[in-house]
């Protein structure tokens, strides 16, 4: 396993992780934070080093789609929308090429789409630390 000590992006697929560890430890200036949460941006403490935040109520969406809090595929969609580092089409093709069976494939494609479309992205004007 390789640890990442200076991430550009932090993606939290579990809304409780931030209570157990400092997920922002080492994040670079103008970093990106993608979080599964039903809370609005005004209720979250956004560190000064974070310039972009993507919020997706992935647990609620997962319960709707899978009837269980499985957020992985949803948060891939949230990552794509928030960062622009990968396209929704590329992720869709990867899911279609996976080992999901019929129902699982359709559910995961739906999760990917909803994760992308139901993520809200917030930008902050941050200056690099001197």
Foldseek 3Di string as FASTA:
>chain_A
DDDDQEDLEFEELDQCVVVVDPSCHNYAACGEYEYQDPDDPVVDDDDLRHFKYKYHVQQVVCCVLVVGRDRVLLSVLSCCQGPVPDHLVVSLVVLVPDPDDDSRSVSSNVSSVCSNVRIDMDGDDHDGDD
